[in-house]
PDB file of N, CA and C in Angstrom:
ATOM      1  N   UNK A   1      22.793 -11.584 -32.547  1.00  0.00           N
ATOM      2  CA  UNK A   1      22.529 -10.360 -31.840  1.00  0.00           C
ATOM      3  C   UNK A   1      23.538 -10.204 -30.706  1.00  0.00           C
ATOM      4  N   UNK A   2      24.174  -9.052 -30.646  1.00  0.00           N
ATOM      5  CA  UNK A   2      25.192  -8.804 -29.627  1.00  0.00           C
ATOM      6  C   UNK A   2      24.542  -8.579 -28.268  1.00  0.00           C
ATOM      7  N   UNK A   3      25.178  -9.127 -27.266  1.00  0.00           N
ATOM      8  CA  UNK A   3      24.673  -8.955 -25.898  1.00  0.00           C
ATOM      9  C   UNK A   3      25.017  -7.545 -25.421  1.00  0.00           C
ATOM     10  N   UNK A   4      24.016  -6.889 -24.827  1.00  0.00           N
ATOM     11  CA  UNK A   4      24.238  -5.531 -24.335  1.00  0.00           C
ATOM     12  C   UNK A   4      24.857  -5.581 -22.940  1.00  0.00           C
ATOM     13  N   UNK A   5      25.706  -4.632 -22.666  1.00  0.00           N
ATOM     14  CA  UNK A   5      26.330  -4.548 -21.343  1.00  0.00           C
ATOM     15  C   UNK A   5      25.298  -4.065 -20.323  1.00  0.00           C
ATOM     16  N   UNK A   6      25.548  -4.305 -19.047  1.00  0.00           N
ATOM     17  CA  UNK A   6      24.631  -3.810 -18.015  1.00  0.00           C
ATOM     18  C   UNK A   6      24.428  -2.291 -18.094  1.00  0.00           C
ATOM     19  N   UNK A   7      25.476  -1.555 -18.414  1.00  0.00           N
ATOM     20  CA  UNK A   7      25.362  -0.094 -18.532  1.00  0.00           C
ATOM     21  C   UNK A   7      24.436   0.285 -19.692  1.00  0.00           C
ATOM     22  N   UNK A   8      24.535  -0.440 -20.804  1.00  0.00           N
ATOM     23  CA  UNK A   8      23.657  -0.178 -21.950  1.00  0.00           C
ATOM     24  C   UNK A   8      22.210  -0.522 -21.603  1.00  0.00           C
ATOM     25  N   UNK A   9      22.006  -1.621 -20.901  1.00  0.00           N
ATOM     26  CA  UNK A   9      20.663  -2.014 -20.480  1.00  0.00           C
ATOM     27  C   UNK A   9      20.065  -0.955 -19.550  1.00  0.00           C
ATOM     28  N   UNK A  10      20.892  -0.427 -18.642  1.00  0.00           N
ATOM     29  CA  UNK A  10      20.434   0.606 -17.711  1.00  0.00           C
ATOM     30  C   UNK A  10      20.048   1.879 -18.465  1.00  0.00           C
ATOM     31  N   UNK A  11      20.865   2.300 -19.423  1.00  0.00           N
ATOM     32  CA  UNK A  11      20.554   3.501 -20.220  1.00  0.00           C
ATOM     33  C   UNK A  11      19.263   3.318 -21.009  1.00  0.00           C
ATOM     34  N   UNK A  12      19.062   2.120 -21.564  1.00  0.00           N
ATOM     35  CA  UNK A  12      17.843   1.833 -22.322  1.00  0.00           C
ATOM     36  C   UNK A  12      16.619   1.880 -21.402  1.00  0.00           C
ATOM     37  N   UNK A  13      16.733   1.296 -20.225  1.00  0.00           N
ATOM     38  CA  UNK A  13      15.629   1.311 -19.251  1.00  0.00           C
ATOM     39  C   UNK A  13      15.296   2.746 -18.848  1.00  0.00           C
ATOM     40  N   UNK A  14      16.323   3.548 -18.576  1.00  0.00           N
ATOM     41  CA  UNK A  14      16.098   4.936 -18.181  1.00  0.00           C
ATOM     42  C   UNK A  14      15.428   5.733 -19.300  1.00  0.00           C
ATOM     43  N   UNK A  15      15.816   5.487 -20.549  1.00  0.00           N
ATOM     44  CA  UNK A  15      15.203   6.176 -21.689  1.00  0.00           C
ATOM     45  C   UNK A  15      13.734   5.780 -21.820  1.00  0.00           C
ATOM     46  N   UNK A  16      13.424   4.511 -21.639  1.00  0.00           N
ATOM     47  CA  UNK A  16      12.032   4.043 -21.697  1.00  0.00           C
ATOM     48  C   UNK A  16      11.209   4.672 -20.577  1.00  0.00           C
ATOM     49  N   UNK A  17      11.764   4.695 -19.366  1.00  0.00           N
ATOM     50  CA  UNK A  17      11.056   5.289 -18.228  1.00  0.00           C
ATOM     51  C   UNK A  17      10.796   6.775 -18.464  1.00  0.00           C
ATOM     52  N   UNK A  18      11.786   7.463 -18.985  1.00  0.00           N
ATOM     53  CA  UNK A  18      11.656   8.892 -19.262  1.00  0.00           C
ATOM     54  C   UNK A  18      10.562   9.157 -20.292  1.00  0.00           C
ATOM     55  N   UNK A  19      10.543   8.362 -21.359  1.00  0.00           N
ATOM     56  CA  UNK A  19       9.498   8.519 -22.380  1.00  0.00           C
ATOM     57  C   UNK A  19       8.109   8.278 -21.795  1.00  0.00           C
ATOM     58  N   UNK A  20       7.985   7.246 -20.980  1.00  0.00           N
ATOM     59  CA  UNK A  20       6.682   6.892 -20.404  1.00  0.00           C
ATOM     60  C   UNK A  20       6.223   7.950 -19.395  1.00  0.00           C
ATOM     61  N   UNK A  21       7.112   8.338 -18.483  1.00  0.00           N
ATOM     62  CA  UNK A  21       6.746   9.326 -17.468  1.00  0.00           C
ATOM     63  C   UNK A  21       6.305  10.647 -18.092  1.00  0.00           C
ATOM     64  N   UNK A  22       6.966  11.038 -19.154  1.00  0.00           N
ATOM     65  CA  UNK A  22       6.698  12.350 -19.752  1.00  0.00           C
ATOM     66  C   UNK A  22       5.499  12.348 -20.700  1.00  0.00           C
ATOM     67  N   UNK A  23       4.794  11.229 -20.812  1.00  0.00           N
ATOM     68  CA  UNK A  23       3.599  11.126 -21.654  1.00  0.00           C
ATOM     69  C   UNK A  23       2.424  10.586 -20.851  1.00  0.00           C
ATOM     70  N   UNK A  24       1.815  11.416 -20.000  1.00  0.00           N
ATOM     71  CA  UNK A  24       0.717  10.942 -19.149  1.00  0.00           C
ATOM     72  C   UNK A  24      -0.440  10.301 -19.906  1.00  0.00           C
ATOM     73  N   UNK A  25      -0.649  10.687 -21.140  1.00  0.00           N
ATOM     74  CA  UNK A  25      -1.754  10.080 -21.895  1.00  0.00           C
ATOM     75  C   UNK A  25      -1.523   8.588 -22.132  1.00  0.00           C
ATOM     76  N   UNK A  26      -0.301   8.107 -21.962  1.00  0.00           N
ATOM     77  CA  UNK A  26       0.019   6.689 -22.136  1.00  0.00           C
ATOM     78  C   UNK A  26      -0.022   5.906 -20.818  1.00  0.00           C
ATOM     79  N   UNK A  27      -0.174   6.599 -19.694  1.00  0.00           N
ATOM     80  CA  UNK A  27      -0.163   5.923 -18.402  1.00  0.00           C
ATOM     81  C   UNK A  27      -1.339   4.956 -18.312  1.00  0.00           C
ATOM     82  N   UNK A  28      -1.066   3.722 -18.049  1.00  0.00           N
ATOM     83  CA  UNK A  28      -2.092   2.686 -17.957  1.00  0.00           C
ATOM     84  C   UNK A  28      -3.067   2.983 -16.816  1.00  0.00           C
ATOM     85  N   UNK A  29      -2.581   3.529 -15.715  1.00  0.00           N
ATOM     86  CA  UNK A  29      -3.423   3.838 -14.558  1.00  0.00           C
ATOM     87  C   UNK A  29      -3.714   5.338 -14.452  1.00  0.00           C
ATOM     88  N   UNK A  30      -3.810   6.006 -15.618  1.00  0.00           N
ATOM     89  CA  UNK A  30      -4.040   7.443 -15.620  1.00  0.00           C
ATOM     90  C   UNK A  30      -5.171   7.792 -14.679  1.00  0.00           C
ATOM     91  N   UNK A  31      -5.078   8.819 -13.855  1.00  0.00           N
ATOM     92  CA  UNK A  31      -4.083   9.890 -13.838  1.00  0.00           C
ATOM     93  C   UNK A  31      -2.854   9.587 -12.990  1.00  0.00           C
ATOM     94  N   UNK A  32      -2.637   8.321 -12.639  1.00  0.00           N
ATOM     95  CA  UNK A  32      -1.487   7.947 -11.820  1.00  0.00           C
ATOM     96  C   UNK A  32      -0.462   7.154 -12.620  1.00  0.00           C
ATOM     97  N   UNK A  33       0.792   7.299 -12.216  1.00  0.00           N
ATOM     98  CA  UNK A  33       1.884   6.505 -12.781  1.00  0.00           C
ATOM     99  C   UNK A  33       2.679   5.937 -11.605  1.00  0.00           C
ATOM    100  N   UNK A  34       2.554   4.634 -11.325  1.00  0.00           N
ATOM    101  CA  UNK A  34       3.305   4.052 -10.214  1.00  0.00           C
ATOM    102  C   UNK A  34       4.796   3.992 -10.545  1.00  0.00           C
ATOM    103  N   UNK A  35       5.611   4.355  -9.576  1.00  0.00           N
ATOM    104  CA  UNK A  35       7.066   4.313  -9.746  1.00  0.00           C
ATOM    105  C   UNK A  35       7.687   3.666  -8.515  1.00  0.00           C
ATOM    106  N   UNK A  36       8.930   3.264  -8.650  1.00  0.00           N
ATOM    107  CA  UNK A  36       9.650   2.638  -7.536  1.00  0.00           C
ATOM    108  C   UNK A  36      11.135   2.925  -7.690  1.00  0.00           C
ATOM    109  N   UNK A  37      11.852   2.725  -6.607  1.00  0.00           N
ATOM    110  CA  UNK A  37      13.313   2.762  -6.660  1.00  0.00           C
ATOM    111  C   UNK A  37      13.844   1.846  -5.566  1.00  0.00           C
ATOM    112  N   UNK A  38      15.038   1.360  -5.785  1.00  0.00           N
ATOM    113  CA  UNK A  38      15.688   0.480  -4.834  1.00  0.00           C
ATOM    114  C   UNK A  38      16.643   1.312  -3.989  1.00  0.00           C
ATOM    115  N   UNK A  39      16.504   1.174  -2.670  1.00  0.00           N
ATOM    116  CA  UNK A  39      17.303   1.961  -1.734  1.00  0.00           C
ATOM    117  C   UNK A  39      18.056   1.003  -0.827  1.00  0.00           C
ATOM    118  N   UNK A  40      19.363   1.190  -0.749  1.00  0.00           N
ATOM    119  CA  UNK A  40      20.182   0.333   0.117  1.00  0.00           C
ATOM    120  C   UNK A  40      20.269   0.969   1.498  1.00  0.00           C
ATOM    121  N   UNK A  41      19.916   0.205   2.506  1.00  0.00           N
ATOM    122  CA  UNK A  41      19.980   0.660   3.892  1.00  0.00           C
ATOM    123  C   UNK A  41      21.408   0.476   4.388  1.00  0.00           C
ATOM    124  N   UNK A  42      22.069   1.572   4.719  1.00  0.00           N
ATOM    125  CA  UNK A  42      23.467   1.521   5.137  1.00  0.00           C
ATOM    126  C   UNK A  42      23.651   0.751   6.444  1.00  0.00           C
ATOM    127  N   UNK A  43      22.674   0.837   7.327  1.00  0.00           N
ATOM    128  CA  UNK A  43      22.801   0.179   8.634  1.00  0.00           C
ATOM    129  C   UNK A  43      22.711  -1.338   8.526  1.00  0.00           C
ATOM    130  N   UNK A  44      21.801  -1.832   7.682  1.00  0.00           N
ATOM    131  CA  UNK A  44      21.578  -3.277   7.600  1.00  0.00           C
ATOM    132  C   UNK A  44      22.169  -3.903   6.340  1.00  0.00           C
ATOM    133  N   UNK A  45      22.533  -3.063   5.371  1.00  0.00           N
ATOM    134  CA  UNK A  45      23.069  -3.508   4.085  1.00  0.00           C
ATOM    135  C   UNK A  45      22.016  -4.223   3.236  1.00  0.00           C
ATOM    136  N   UNK A  46      20.738  -4.078   3.603  1.00  0.00           N
ATOM    137  CA  UNK A  46      19.647  -4.649   2.818  1.00  0.00           C
ATOM    138  C   UNK A  46      19.151  -3.615   1.810  1.00  0.00           C
ATOM    139  N   UNK A  47      18.649  -4.098   0.701  1.00  0.00           N
ATOM    140  CA  UNK A  47      18.041  -3.224  -0.294  1.00  0.00           C
ATOM    141  C   UNK A  47      16.536  -3.352  -0.170  1.00  0.00           C
ATOM    142  N   UNK A  48      15.863  -2.218  -0.087  1.00  0.00           N
ATOM    143  CA  UNK A  48      14.407  -2.219   0.011  1.00  0.00           C
ATOM    144  C   UNK A  48      13.825  -1.463  -1.181  1.00  0.00           C
ATOM    145  N   UNK A  49      12.570  -1.729  -1.462  1.00  0.00           N
ATOM    146  CA  UNK A  49      11.872  -1.052  -2.549  1.00  0.00           C
ATOM    147  C   UNK A  49      11.062   0.089  -1.952  1.00  0.00           C
ATOM    148  N   UNK A  50      11.266   1.262  -2.495  1.00  0.00           N
ATOM    149  CA  UNK A  50      10.489   2.430  -2.095  1.00  0.00           C
ATOM    150  C   UNK A  50       9.449   2.670  -3.182  1.00  0.00           C
ATOM    151  N   UNK A  51       8.179   2.756  -2.813  1.00  0.00           N
ATOM    152  CA  UNK A  51       7.118   2.950  -3.788  1.00  0.00           C
ATOM    153  C   UNK A  51       6.595   4.377  -3.732  1.00  0.00           C
ATOM    154  N   UNK A  52       6.154   4.846  -4.896  1.00  0.00           N
ATOM    155  CA  UNK A  52       5.611   6.197  -5.008  1.00  0.00           C
ATOM    156  C   UNK A  52       4.771   6.257  -6.282  1.00  0.00           C
ATOM    157  N   UNK A  53       4.280   7.435  -6.584  1.00  0.00           N
ATOM    158  CA  UNK A  53       3.506   7.613  -7.805  1.00  0.00           C
ATOM    159  C   UNK A  53       3.590   9.051  -8.278  1.00  0.00           C
ATOM    160  N   UNK A  54       3.372   9.216  -9.561  1.00  0.00           N
ATOM    161  CA  UNK A  54       3.221  10.537 -10.168  1.00  0.00           C
ATOM    162  C   UNK A  54       1.739  10.729 -10.421  1.00  0.00           C
ATOM    163  N   UNK A  55       1.310  11.963 -10.512  1.00  0.00           N
ATOM    164  CA  UNK A  55      -0.094  12.240 -10.804  1.00  0.00           C
ATOM    165  C   UNK A  55      -0.169  13.304 -11.895  1.00  0.00           C
ATOM    166  N   UNK A  56      -1.055  13.063 -12.863  1.00  0.00           N
ATOM    167  CA  UNK A  56      -1.239  13.999 -13.970  1.00  0.00           C
ATOM    168  C   UNK A  56      -2.134  15.134 -13.490  1.00  0.00           C
ATOM    169  N   UNK A  57      -1.525  16.094 -12.802  1.00  0.00           N
ATOM    170  CA  UNK A  57      -2.257  17.230 -12.256  1.00  0.00           C
ATOM    171  C   UNK A  57      -1.428  18.483 -12.531  1.00  0.00           C
ATOM    172  N   UNK A  58      -2.075  19.526 -12.992  1.00  0.00           N
ATOM    173  CA  UNK A  58      -1.390  20.777 -13.292  1.00  0.00           C
ATOM    174  C   UNK A  58      -0.535  21.220 -12.105  1.00  0.00           C
ATOM    175  N   UNK A  59       0.726  21.490 -12.362  1.00  0.00           N
ATOM    176  CA  UNK A  59       1.630  21.945 -11.323  1.00  0.00           C
ATOM    177  C   UNK A  59       2.213  20.848 -10.458  1.00  0.00           C
ATOM    178  N   UNK A  60       1.767  19.605 -10.618  1.00  0.00           N
ATOM    179  CA  UNK A  60       2.253  18.496  -9.792  1.00  0.00           C
ATOM    180  C   UNK A  60       2.843  17.358 -10.629  1.00  0.00           C
ATOM    181  N   UNK A  61       2.941  17.541 -11.931  1.00  0.00           N
ATOM    182  CA  UNK A  61       3.336  16.451 -12.822  1.00  0.00           C
ATOM    183  C   UNK A  61       4.711  15.882 -12.485  1.00  0.00           C
ATOM    184  N   UNK A  62       5.639  16.713 -12.037  1.00  0.00           N
ATOM    185  CA  UNK A  62       6.974  16.215 -11.712  1.00  0.00           C
ATOM    186  C   UNK A  62       7.191  16.166 -10.197  1.00  0.00           C
ATOM    187  N   UNK A  63       6.119  15.951  -9.464  1.00  0.00           N
ATOM    188  CA  UNK A  63       6.199  15.751  -8.014  1.00  0.00           C
ATOM    189  C   UNK A  63       6.012  14.264  -7.726  1.00  0.00           C
ATOM    190  N   UNK A  64       6.940  13.704  -6.975  1.00  0.00           N
ATOM    191  CA  UNK A  64       6.835  12.305  -6.563  1.00  0.00           C
ATOM    192  C   UNK A  64       6.062  12.263  -5.250  1.00  0.00           C
ATOM    193  N   UNK A  65       4.986  11.477  -5.241  1.00  0.00           N
ATOM    194  CA  UNK A  65       4.192  11.269  -4.033  1.00  0.00           C
ATOM    195  C   UNK A  65       4.598   9.927  -3.450  1.00  0.00           C
ATOM    196  N   UNK A  66       5.163   9.950  -2.245  1.00  0.00           N
ATOM    197  CA  UNK A  66       5.624   8.717  -1.608  1.00  0.00           C
ATOM    198  C   UNK A  66       4.429   8.001  -0.999  1.00  0.00           C
ATOM    199  N   UNK A  67       4.084   6.848  -1.563  1.00  0.00           N
ATOM    200  CA  UNK A  67       2.944   6.075  -1.115  1.00  0.00           C
ATOM    201  C   UNK A  67       2.649   4.978  -2.108  1.00  0.00           C
ATOM    202  N   UNK A  68       1.441   4.482  -2.050  1.00  0.00           N
ATOM    203  CA  UNK A  68       1.020   3.385  -2.915  1.00  0.00           C
ATOM    204  C   UNK A  68      -0.071   3.896  -3.849  1.00  0.00           C
ATOM    205  N   UNK A  69       0.078   3.632  -5.127  1.00  0.00           N
ATOM    206  CA  UNK A  69      -0.852   4.171  -6.113  1.00  0.00           C
ATOM    207  C   UNK A  69      -2.278   3.663  -5.925  1.00  0.00           C
ATOM    208  N   UNK A  70      -2.452   2.498  -5.330  1.00  0.00           N
ATOM    209  CA  UNK A  70      -3.795   1.940  -5.166  1.00  0.00           C
ATOM    210  C   UNK A  70      -4.538   2.532  -3.969  1.00  0.00           C
ATOM    211  N   UNK A  71      -3.817   3.250  -3.102  1.00  0.00           N
ATOM    212  CA  UNK A  71      -4.445   3.961  -1.985  1.00  0.00           C
ATOM    213  C   UNK A  71      -3.850   5.366  -1.893  1.00  0.00           C
ATOM    214  N   UNK A  72      -3.939   6.136  -2.971  1.00  0.00           N
ATOM    215  CA  UNK A  72      -3.295   7.448  -2.968  1.00  0.00           C
ATOM    216  C   UNK A  72      -3.984   8.436  -2.032  1.00  0.00           C
ATOM    217  N   UNK A  73      -3.186   9.239  -1.372  1.00  0.00           N
ATOM    218  CA  UNK A  73      -3.701  10.317  -0.538  1.00  0.00           C
ATOM    219  C   UNK A  73      -2.808  11.528  -0.793  1.00  0.00           C
ATOM    220  N   UNK A  74      -3.148  12.268  -1.833  1.00  0.00           N
ATOM    221  CA  UNK A  74      -2.259  13.360  -2.253  1.00  0.00           C
ATOM    222  C   UNK A  74      -2.167  14.477  -1.226  1.00  0.00           C
ATOM    223  N   UNK A  75      -3.061  14.490  -0.261  1.00  0.00           N
ATOM    224  CA  UNK A  75      -2.983  15.489   0.811  1.00  0.00           C
ATOM    225  C   UNK A  75      -2.007  15.048   1.905  1.00  0.00           C
ATOM    226  N   UNK A  76      -1.924  13.743   2.173  1.00  0.00           N
ATOM    227  CA  UNK A  76      -1.114  13.239   3.281  1.00  0.00           C
ATOM    228  C   UNK A  76       0.208  12.596   2.853  1.00  0.00           C
ATOM    229  N   UNK A  77       0.259  12.018   1.637  1.00  0.00           N
ATOM    230  CA  UNK A  77       1.505  11.375   1.190  1.00  0.00           C
ATOM    231  C   UNK A  77       2.605  12.429   1.060  1.00  0.00           C
ATOM    232  N   UNK A  78       3.795  12.060   1.505  1.00  0.00           N
ATOM    233  CA  UNK A  78       4.932  12.981   1.418  1.00  0.00           C
ATOM    234  C   UNK A  78       5.201  13.311  -0.045  1.00  0.00           C
ATOM    235  N   UNK A  79       5.424  14.591  -0.321  1.00  0.00           N
ATOM    236  CA  UNK A  79       5.652  15.042  -1.692  1.00  0.00           C
ATOM    237  C   UNK A  79       7.094  15.478  -1.865  1.00  0.00           C
ATOM    238  N   UNK A  80       7.666  15.104  -2.995  1.00  0.00           N
ATOM    239  CA  UNK A  80       9.036  15.464  -3.317  1.00  0.00           C
ATOM    240  C   UNK A  80       9.047  16.066  -4.721  1.00  0.00           C
ATOM    241  N   UNK A  81       9.092  17.391  -4.839  1.00  0.00           N
ATOM    242  CA  UNK A  81       9.085  18.007  -6.166  1.00  0.00           C
ATOM    243  C   UNK A  81      10.448  17.881  -6.849  1.00  0.00           C
ATOM    244  N   UNK A  82      10.411  17.709  -8.158  1.00  0.00           N
ATOM    245  CA  UNK A  82      11.613  17.645  -8.979  1.00  0.00           C
ATOM    246  C   UNK A  82      11.504  18.692 -10.086  1.00  0.00           C
ATOM    247  N   UNK A  83      12.635  19.077 -10.639  1.00  0.00           N
ATOM    248  CA  UNK A  83      12.657  20.074 -11.715  1.00  0.00           C
ATOM    249  C   UNK A  83      12.125  19.503 -13.027  1.00  0.00           C
ATOM    250  N   UNK A  84      12.238  18.188 -13.211  1.00  0.00           N
ATOM    251  CA  UNK A  84      11.774  17.562 -14.446  1.00  0.00           C
ATOM    252  C   UNK A  84      11.873  16.054 -14.358  1.00  0.00           C
ATOM    253  N   UNK A  85      11.413  15.403 -15.414  1.00  0.00           N
ATOM    254  CA  UNK A  85      11.421  13.935 -15.435  1.00  0.00           C
ATOM    255  C   UNK A  85      12.841  13.371 -15.465  1.00  0.00           C
ATOM    256  N   UNK A  86      13.770  14.073 -16.119  1.00  0.00           N
ATOM    257  CA  UNK A  86      15.158  13.607 -16.137  1.00  0.00           C
ATOM    258  C   UNK A  86      15.707  13.516 -14.719  1.00  0.00           C
ATOM    259  N   UNK A  87      15.358  14.487 -13.895  1.00  0.00           N
ATOM    260  CA  UNK A  87      15.826  14.496 -12.511  1.00  0.00           C
ATOM    261  C   UNK A  87      15.210  13.339 -11.715  1.00  0.00           C
ATOM    262  N   UNK A  88      13.952  13.021 -11.993  1.00  0.00           N
ATOM    263  CA  UNK A  88      13.288  11.902 -11.314  1.00  0.00           C
ATOM    264  C   UNK A  88      14.003  10.590 -11.651  1.00  0.00           C
ATOM    265  N   UNK A  89      14.262  10.371 -12.935  1.00  0.00           N
ATOM    266  CA  UNK A  89      14.944   9.150 -13.379  1.00  0.00           C
ATOM    267  C   UNK A  89      16.372   9.111 -12.835  1.00  0.00           C
ATOM    268  N   UNK A  90      17.058  10.250 -12.841  1.00  0.00           N
ATOM    269  CA  UNK A  90      18.434  10.299 -12.338  1.00  0.00           C
ATOM    270  C   UNK A  90      18.493   9.983 -10.838  1.00  0.00           C
ATOM    271  N   UNK A  91      17.395  10.218 -10.124  1.00  0.00           N
ATOM    272  CA  UNK A  91      17.345   9.929  -8.698  1.00  0.00           C
ATOM    273  C   UNK A  91      17.001   8.465  -8.416  1.00  0.00           C
ATOM    274  N   UNK A  92      16.931   7.654  -9.464  1.00  0.00           N
ATOM    275  CA  UNK A  92      16.730   6.219  -9.287  1.00  0.00           C
ATOM    276  C   UNK A  92      15.309   5.728  -9.458  1.00  0.00           C
ATOM    277  N   UNK A  93      14.358   6.625  -9.712  1.00  0.00           N
ATOM    278  CA  UNK A  93      12.974   6.215  -9.868  1.00  0.00           C
ATOM    279  C   UNK A  93      12.762   5.565 -11.228  1.00  0.00           C
ATOM    280  N   UNK A  94      11.940   4.538 -11.261  1.00  0.00           N
ATOM    281  CA  UNK A  94      11.616   3.843 -12.506  1.00  0.00           C
ATOM    282  C   UNK A  94      10.130   3.503 -12.513  1.00  0.00           C
ATOM    283  N   UNK A  95       9.573   3.354 -13.690  1.00  0.00           N
ATOM    284  CA  UNK A  95       8.169   2.987 -13.819  1.00  0.00           C
ATOM    285  C   UNK A  95       7.977   1.582 -13.280  1.00  0.00           C
ATOM    286  N   UNK A  96       6.943   1.423 -12.480  1.00  0.00           N
ATOM    287  CA  UNK A  96       6.692   0.114 -11.878  1.00  0.00           C
ATOM    288  C   UNK A  96       5.618  -0.611 -12.660  1.00  0.00           C
TER     289      UNK A  96
END
């Protein structure tokens, strides 16, 4: 079996995340889908994990709620709407 390049592994991961995000009926924690992304802090040069979640709610399916899925507060958690799941994945978010 040929070893896949890091770029191929990244494309495969993004395709899997896209398939999972776009099928809420498959979400293990339905109606929530925990997501994360790695963010590099320019000041300290450290990479931190940013946590958020998606929610299977009409009109909010492609909105990222910045917070923790186990203590969701959809009224208070910062919301970041996206045009679609491709845009969410392109912004670095992945299924956690």
